[in-house]
Amino acid sequence: MRAVCALGVAASAVQVTPLQKVVEMLEGMLAKSKDEKHEEVVRFNTFKQWCDDTNNAKRATVKDEKHSISKLTASIEKDTATIAHLDDELARLNDDLAAWQGDLKAAAGIRKKENIDFMEQHKDYTTSIDQLNQAVESIKSHSHDAPQSSALLQLQNNKLIPTSAYRVLQAFLQSGDDGVPEANAYESQSGGGVEVLTELRRKF
């Protein structure tokens, strides 16, 4: 009987009380919370490190981009100034070109007029030389027939013949109206006419 009572007392001593169960449960929850906290701290530190690394990378990128922007801005300002200078230079060259084209056009007009004047003068001189040749031959032939006298008359009307030569020619023509002159006088007069005409022809 006594043995049974002893076993009952021992069994009641081994039984866990409700309070102990609560304590054990709280201790389990505490350990689990500590583990979860540790995992959260690890995850947070990892995320924070990623954020710091990303932030540093972004800051470096922004710094580099700002530097690039400064360089590009300076380059744009330089190029803008160059464009303005080239625009001014182009405008000056266009003005020069317009002036040169105007000068060229004016020069072409002058050359054309000079060429026309030259051709007219060349024609006058050629005509005068032909007339002088005919007049010289007329005087040398000692003849005052109509064709040769006409050549001398043409010389009188030629604007290129000087007044002194005109007077010699006039005297020669008048000699034909007074009949046949004496030989010596005629030779002297005709010789002077030939000399004057030959000198004029040489000048042309």
C-alpha atoms as a PDB file:
ATOM      1  CA  MET A   1       0.000   0.000   0.000  1.00  0.00           C
ATOM      2  CA  ARG A   2       2.781   2.239   0.890  1.00  0.00           C
ATOM      3  CA  ALA A   3       4.498   1.399  -2.408  1.00  0.00           C
ATOM      4  CA  VAL A   4       1.472   2.486  -4.447  1.00  0.00           C
ATOM      5  CA  CYS A   5       1.319   5.796  -2.681  1.00  0.00           C
ATOM      6  CA  ALA A   6       4.974   6.418  -3.406  1.00  0.00           C
ATOM      7  CA  LEU A   7       4.473   5.792  -7.133  1.00  0.00           C
ATOM      8  CA  GLY A   8       1.555   8.216  -7.192  1.00  0.00           C
ATOM      9  CA  VAL A   9       3.603  10.971  -5.582  1.00  0.00           C
ATOM     10  CA  ALA A  10       6.452  10.439  -8.083  1.00  0.00           C
ATOM     11  CA  ALA A  11       4.092  10.534 -11.060  1.00  0.00           C
ATOM     12  CA  SER A  12       2.497  13.794  -9.925  1.00  0.00           C
ATOM     13  CA  ALA A  13       5.998  15.299  -9.527  1.00  0.00           C
ATOM     14  CA  VAL A  14       6.918  14.461 -13.214  1.00  0.00           C
ATOM     15  CA  GLN A  15       3.756  16.067 -14.742  1.00  0.00           C
ATOM     16  CA  VAL A  16       4.247  19.527 -16.590  1.00  0.00           C
ATOM     17  CA  THR A  17       2.161  22.332 -15.384  1.00  0.00           C
ATOM     18  CA  PRO A  18       0.236  24.669 -17.686  1.00  0.00           C
ATOM     19  CA  LEU A  19       2.515  27.509 -16.741  1.00  0.00           C
ATOM     20  CA  GLN A  20       5.499  25.525 -17.821  1.00  0.00           C
ATOM     21  CA  LYS A  21       3.829  24.830 -21.140  1.00  0.00           C
ATOM     22  CA  VAL A  22       3.227  28.539 -21.627  1.00  0.00           C
ATOM     23  CA  VAL A  23       6.836  29.275 -20.781  1.00  0.00           C
ATOM     24  CA  GLU A  24       8.067  26.624 -23.200  1.00  0.00           C
ATOM     25  CA  MET A  25       5.804  28.015 -25.935  1.00  0.00           C
ATOM     26  CA  LEU A  26       7.052  31.557 -25.329  1.00  0.00           C
ATOM     27  CA  GLU A  27      10.635  30.396 -25.387  1.00  0.00           C
ATOM     28  CA  GLY A  28      10.006  28.660 -28.726  1.00  0.00           C
ATOM     29  CA  MET A  29       8.387  31.801 -30.114  1.00  0.00           C
ATOM     30  CA  LEU A  30      11.338  33.857 -28.866  1.00  0.00           C
ATOM     31  CA  ALA A  31      13.850  31.587 -30.547  1.00  0.00           C
ATOM     32  CA  LYS A  32      11.862  31.626 -33.782  1.00  0.00           C
ATOM     33  CA  SER A  33      11.614  35.425 -33.614  1.00  0.00           C
ATOM     34  CA  LYS A  34      15.345  35.698 -33.108  1.00  0.00           C
ATOM     35  CA  ASP A  35      15.946  33.514 -36.149  1.00  0.00           C
ATOM     36  CA  GLU A  36      13.489  35.533 -38.230  1.00  0.00           C
ATOM     37  CA  LYS A  37      15.079  38.754 -36.996  1.00  0.00           C
ATOM     38  CA  HIS A  38      18.522  37.525 -37.975  1.00  0.00           C
ATOM     39  CA  GLU A  39      17.261  36.570 -41.426  1.00  0.00           C
ATOM     40  CA  GLU A  40      15.565  39.964 -41.765  1.00  0.00           C
ATOM     41  CA  VAL A  41      18.760  41.742 -40.697  1.00  0.00           C
ATOM     42  CA  VAL A  42      20.726  39.755 -43.285  1.00  0.00           C
ATOM     43  CA  ARG A  43      18.178  40.555 -46.001  1.00  0.00           C
ATOM     44  CA  PHE A  44      18.096  44.237 -44.996  1.00  0.00           C
ATOM     45  CA  ASN A  45      21.875  44.524 -44.990  1.00  0.00           C
ATOM     46  CA  THR A  46      22.023  42.853 -48.384  1.00  0.00           C
ATOM     47  CA  PHE A  47      19.358  45.187 -49.776  1.00  0.00           C
ATOM     48  CA  LYS A  48      21.044  48.203 -48.157  1.00  0.00           C
ATOM     49  CA  GLN A  49      24.370  47.224 -49.720  1.00  0.00           C
ATOM     50  CA  TRP A  50      22.663  46.920 -53.120  1.00  0.00           C
ATOM     51  CA  CYS A  51      21.058  50.322 -52.633  1.00  0.00           C
ATOM     52  CA  ASP A  52      24.388  51.890 -51.643  1.00  0.00           C
ATOM     53  CA  ASP A  53      26.181  50.315 -54.579  1.00  0.00           C
ATOM     54  CA  THR A  54      23.435  51.397 -56.985  1.00  0.00           C
ATOM     55  CA  ASN A  55      23.382  54.901 -55.525  1.00  0.00           C
ATOM     56  CA  ASN A  56      27.162  55.214 -55.849  1.00  0.00           C
ATOM     57  CA  ALA A  57      27.022  53.941 -59.426  1.00  0.00           C
ATOM     58  CA  LYS A  58      24.225  56.368 -60.289  1.00  0.00           C
ATOM     59  CA  ARG A  59      26.120  59.252 -58.681  1.00  0.00           C
ATOM     60  CA  ALA A  60      29.224  58.377 -60.690  1.00  0.00           C
ATOM     61  CA  THR A  61      27.128  58.148 -63.857  1.00  0.00           C
ATOM     62  CA  VAL A  62      25.477  61.509 -63.175  1.00  0.00           C
ATOM     63  CA  LYS A  63      28.868  63.082 -62.523  1.00  0.00           C
ATOM     64  CA  ASP A  64      30.245  61.684 -65.775  1.00  0.00           C
ATOM     65  CA  GLU A  65      27.161  62.809 -67.692  1.00  0.00           C
ATOM     66  CA  LYS A  66      27.412  66.306 -66.212  1.00  0.00           C
ATOM     67  CA  HIS A  67      31.036  66.442 -67.306  1.00  0.00           C
ATOM     68  CA  SER A  68      30.021  65.263 -70.778  1.00  0.00           C
ATOM     69  CA  ILE A  69      27.243  67.860 -70.879  1.00  0.00           C
ATOM     70  CA  SER A  70      29.745  70.597 -69.954  1.00  0.00           C
ATOM     71  CA  LYS A  71      32.105  69.462 -72.713  1.00  0.00           C
ATOM     72  CA  LEU A  72      29.295  69.233 -75.266  1.00  0.00           C
ATOM     73  CA  THR A  73      27.961  72.645 -74.231  1.00  0.00           C
ATOM     74  CA  ALA A  74      31.403  74.182 -74.720  1.00  0.00           C
ATOM     75  CA  SER A  75      31.709  72.412 -78.079  1.00  0.00           C
ATOM     76  CA  ILE A  76      28.271  73.669 -79.138  1.00  0.00           C
ATOM     77  CA  GLU A  77      29.174  77.234 -78.158  1.00  0.00           C
ATOM     78  CA  LYS A  78      32.435  76.976 -80.103  1.00  0.00           C
ATOM     79  CA  ASP A  79      30.682  75.497 -83.144  1.00  0.00           C
ATOM     80  CA  THR A  80      27.983  78.174 -82.928  1.00  0.00           C
ATOM     81  CA  ALA A  81      30.648  80.879 -82.962  1.00  0.00           C
ATOM     82  CA  THR A  82      32.350  79.141 -85.898  1.00  0.00           C
ATOM     83  CA  ILE A  83      29.045  78.967 -87.792  1.00  0.00           C
ATOM     84  CA  ALA A  84      28.430  82.674 -87.160  1.00  0.00           C
ATOM     85  CA  HIS A  85      31.929  83.485 -88.409  1.00  0.00           C
ATOM     86  CA  LEU A  86      31.470  81.305 -91.489  1.00  0.00           C
ATOM     87  CA  ASP A  87      28.077  82.909 -92.146  1.00  0.00           C
ATOM     88  CA  ASP A  88      29.739  86.335 -92.070  1.00  0.00           C
ATOM     89  CA  GLU A  89      32.526  85.078 -94.313  1.00  0.00           C
ATOM     90  CA  LEU A  90      29.999  83.554 -96.712  1.00  0.00           C
ATOM     91  CA  ALA A  91      28.037  86.802 -96.827  1.00  0.00           C
ATOM     92  CA  ARG A  92      31.259  88.715 -97.565  1.00  0.00           C
ATOM     93  CA  LEU A  93      32.203  86.262-100.304  1.00  0.00           C
ATOM     94  CA  ASN A  94      28.709  86.518-101.792  1.00  0.00           C
ATOM     95  CA  ASP A  95      29.054  90.305-101.814  1.00  0.00           C
ATOM     96  CA  ASP A  96      32.468  89.998-103.466  1.00  0.00           C
ATOM     97  CA  LEU A  97      31.059  87.542-105.991  1.00  0.00           C
ATOM     98  CA  ALA A  98      28.171  89.871-106.810  1.00  0.00           C
ATOM     99  CA  ALA A  99      30.608  92.776-107.197  1.00  0.00           C
ATOM    100  CA  TRP A 100      32.921  90.687-109.401  1.00  0.00           C
ATOM    101  CA  GLN A 101      30.020  89.538-111.527  1.00  0.00           C
ATOM    102  CA  GLY A 102      28.931  93.159-111.893  1.00  0.00           C
ATOM    103  CA  ASP A 103      32.489  94.174-112.832  1.00  0.00           C
ATOM    104  CA  LEU A 104      32.698  91.259-115.264  1.00  0.00           C
ATOM    105  CA  LYS A 105      29.420  92.252-116.872  1.00  0.00           C
ATOM    106  CA  ALA A 106      30.512  95.882-117.093  1.00  0.00           C
ATOM    107  CA  ALA A 107      33.904  94.843-118.492  1.00  0.00           C
ATOM    108  CA  ALA A 108      32.187  92.625-121.059  1.00  0.00           C
ATOM    109  CA  GLY A 109      30.030  95.586-122.104  1.00  0.00           C
ATOM    110  CA  ILE A 110      33.106  97.818-122.377  1.00  0.00           C
ATOM    111  CA  ARG A 111      34.987  95.157-124.347  1.00  0.00           C
ATOM    112  CA  LYS A 112      32.032  94.757-126.664  1.00  0.00           C
ATOM    113  CA  LYS A 113      31.810  98.509-127.228  1.00  0.00           C
ATOM    114  CA  GLU A 114      35.579  98.751-127.693  1.00  0.00           C
ATOM    115  CA  ASN A 115      35.448  95.877-130.163  1.00  0.00           C
ATOM    116  CA  ILE A 116      32.685  97.636-132.120  1.00  0.00           C
ATOM    117  CA  ASP A 117      34.694 100.881-132.065  1.00  0.00           C
ATOM    118  CA  PHE A 118      37.829  99.013-133.111  1.00  0.00           C
ATOM    119  CA  MET A 119      36.076  97.257-135.970  1.00  0.00           C
ATOM    120  CA  GLU A 120      34.648 100.591-137.169  1.00  0.00           C
ATOM    121  CA  GLN A 121      38.049 102.262-136.847  1.00  0.00           C
ATOM    122  CA  HIS A 122      39.730  99.320-138.564  1.00  0.00           C
ATOM    123  CA  LYS A 123      37.224  99.617-141.380  1.00  0.00           C
ATOM    124  CA  ASP A 124      37.870 103.380-141.638  1.00  0.00           C
ATOM    125  CA  TYR A 125      41.639 102.869-141.696  1.00  0.00           C
ATOM    126  CA  THR A 126      41.389 100.061-144.244  1.00  0.00           C
ATOM    127  CA  THR A 127      39.183 102.235-146.434  1.00  0.00           C
ATOM    128  CA  SER A 128      41.573 105.157-146.013  1.00  0.00           C
ATOM    129  CA  ILE A 129      44.598 103.028-146.952  1.00  0.00           C
ATOM    130  CA  ASP A 130      42.795 101.790-150.054  1.00  0.00           C
ATOM    131  CA  GLN A 131      41.894 105.352-150.969  1.00  0.00           C
ATOM    132  CA  LEU A 132      45.470 106.493-150.391  1.00  0.00           C
ATOM    133  CA  ASN A 133      46.801 103.699-152.583  1.00  0.00           C
ATOM    134  CA  GLN A 134      44.378 104.678-155.336  1.00  0.00           C
ATOM    135  CA  ALA A 135      45.267 108.376-154.941  1.00  0.00           C
ATOM    136  CA  VAL A 136      49.002 107.662-155.090  1.00  0.00           C
ATOM    137  CA  GLU A 137      48.522 105.631-158.236  1.00  0.00           C
ATOM    138  CA  SER A 138      46.360 108.430-159.660  1.00  0.00           C
ATOM    139  CA  ILE A 139      49.012 111.066-159.050  1.00  0.00           C
ATOM    140  CA  LYS A 140      51.821 108.856-160.336  1.00  0.00           C
ATOM    141  CA  SER A 141      49.913 108.205-163.539  1.00  0.00           C
ATOM    142  CA  HIS A 142      49.684 111.995-164.227  1.00  0.00           C
ATOM    143  CA  SER A 143      46.079 111.472-165.205  1.00  0.00           C
ATOM    144  CA  HIS A 144      42.991 113.366-164.121  1.00  0.00           C
ATOM    145  CA  ASP A 145      40.334 111.232-165.708  1.00  0.00           C
ATOM    146  CA  ALA A 146      37.076 110.741-163.832  1.00  0.00           C
ATOM    147  CA  PRO A 147      37.819 107.457-161.994  1.00  0.00           C
ATOM    148  CA  GLN A 148      41.165 108.583-160.599  1.00  0.00           C
ATOM    149  CA  SER A 149      39.939 112.080-159.746  1.00  0.00           C
ATOM    150  CA  SER A 150      37.057 110.397-157.894  1.00  0.00           C
ATOM    151  CA  ALA A 151      39.614 108.579-155.716  1.00  0.00           C
ATOM    152  CA  LEU A 152      41.204 111.904-154.805  1.00  0.00           C
ATOM    153  CA  LEU A 153      37.805 113.444-154.076  1.00  0.00           C
ATOM    154  CA  GLN A 154      37.048 110.566-151.726  1.00  0.00           C
ATOM    155  CA  LEU A 155      40.190 111.404-149.787  1.00  0.00           C
ATOM    156  CA  GLN A 156      39.009 114.985-149.384  1.00  0.00           C
ATOM    157  CA  ASN A 157      35.851 113.698-147.722  1.00  0.00           C
ATOM    158  CA  ASN A 158      37.793 111.278-145.486  1.00  0.00           C
ATOM    159  CA  LYS A 159      37.700 112.460-141.859  1.00  0.00           C
ATOM    160  CA  LEU A 160      41.063 110.817-141.166  1.00  0.00           C
ATOM    161  CA  ILE A 161      42.913 112.978-143.696  1.00  0.00           C
ATOM    162  CA  PRO A 162      44.527 116.075-142.066  1.00  0.00           C
ATOM    163  CA  THR A 163      43.818 119.581-143.367  1.00  0.00           C
ATOM    164  CA  SER A 164      47.366 120.023-144.749  1.00  0.00           C
ATOM    165  CA  ALA A 165      47.033 116.907-146.868  1.00  0.00           C
ATOM    166  CA  TYR A 166      43.606 118.030-147.981  1.00  0.00           C
ATOM    167  CA  ARG A 167      45.068 121.311-149.271  1.00  0.00           C
ATOM    168  CA  VAL A 168      47.714 119.478-151.284  1.00  0.00           C
ATOM    169  CA  LEU A 169      45.055 117.246-152.815  1.00  0.00           C
ATOM    170  CA  GLN A 170      42.847 120.258-153.566  1.00  0.00           C
ATOM    171  CA  ALA A 171      45.713 122.034-155.314  1.00  0.00           C
ATOM    172  CA  PHE A 172      46.436 118.927-157.332  1.00  0.00           C
ATOM    173  CA  LEU A 173      42.813 118.576-158.424  1.00  0.00           C
ATOM    174  CA  GLN A 174      42.568 122.272-159.352  1.00  0.00           C
ATOM    175  CA  SER A 175      45.647 121.909-161.531  1.00  0.00           C
ATOM    176  CA  GLY A 176      43.651 119.625-163.779  1.00  0.00           C
ATOM    177  CA  ASP A 177      40.978 122.278-164.321  1.00  0.00           C
ATOM    178  CA  ASP A 178      43.430 124.860-165.708  1.00  0.00           C
ATOM    179  CA  GLY A 179      44.611 122.754-168.593  1.00  0.00           C
ATOM    180  CA  VAL A 180      47.867 120.835-168.878  1.00  0.00           C
ATOM    181  CA  PRO A 181      50.439 122.460-166.583  1.00  0.00           C
ATOM    182  CA  GLU A 182      54.059 122.936-167.436  1.00  0.00           C
ATOM    183  CA  ALA A 183      56.092 119.750-167.022  1.00  0.00           C
ATOM    184  CA  ASN A 184      58.404 120.975-164.252  1.00  0.00           C
ATOM    185  CA  ALA A 185      55.592 122.552-162.263  1.00  0.00           C
ATOM    186  CA  TYR A 186      53.432 119.495-162.628  1.00  0.00           C
ATOM    187  CA  GLU A 187      56.223 117.167-161.604  1.00  0.00           C
ATOM    188  CA  SER A 188      56.876 119.292-158.520  1.00  0.00           C
ATOM    189  CA  GLN A 189      53.225 119.423-157.582  1.00  0.00           C
ATOM    190  CA  SER A 190      52.548 115.742-158.157  1.00  0.00           C
ATOM    191  CA  GLY A 191      55.741 114.764-156.347  1.00  0.00           C
ATOM    192  CA  GLY A 192      54.597 116.717-153.303  1.00  0.00           C
ATOM    193  CA  GLY A 193      51.207 115.017-153.438  1.00  0.00           C
ATOM    194  CA  VAL A 194      52.770 111.567-153.628  1.00  0.00           C
ATOM    195  CA  GLU A 195      55.044 112.355-150.698  1.00  0.00           C
ATOM    196  CA  VAL A 196      52.143 113.570-148.574  1.00  0.00           C
ATOM    197  CA  LEU A 197      49.981 110.571-149.417  1.00  0.00           C
ATOM    198  CA  THR A 198      52.820 108.124-148.885  1.00  0.00           C
ATOM    199  CA  GLU A 199      53.517 109.632-145.462  1.00  0.00           C
ATOM    200  CA  LEU A 200      49.818 109.367-144.564  1.00  0.00           C
ATOM    201  CA  ARG A 201      49.753 105.755-145.696  1.00  0.00           C
ATOM    202  CA  ARG A 202      52.786 104.981-143.536  1.00  0.00           C
ATOM    203  CA  LYS A 203      51.045 106.483-140.485  1.00  0.00           C
ATOM    204  CA  PHE A 204      47.984 104.321-141.034  1.00  0.00           C
END
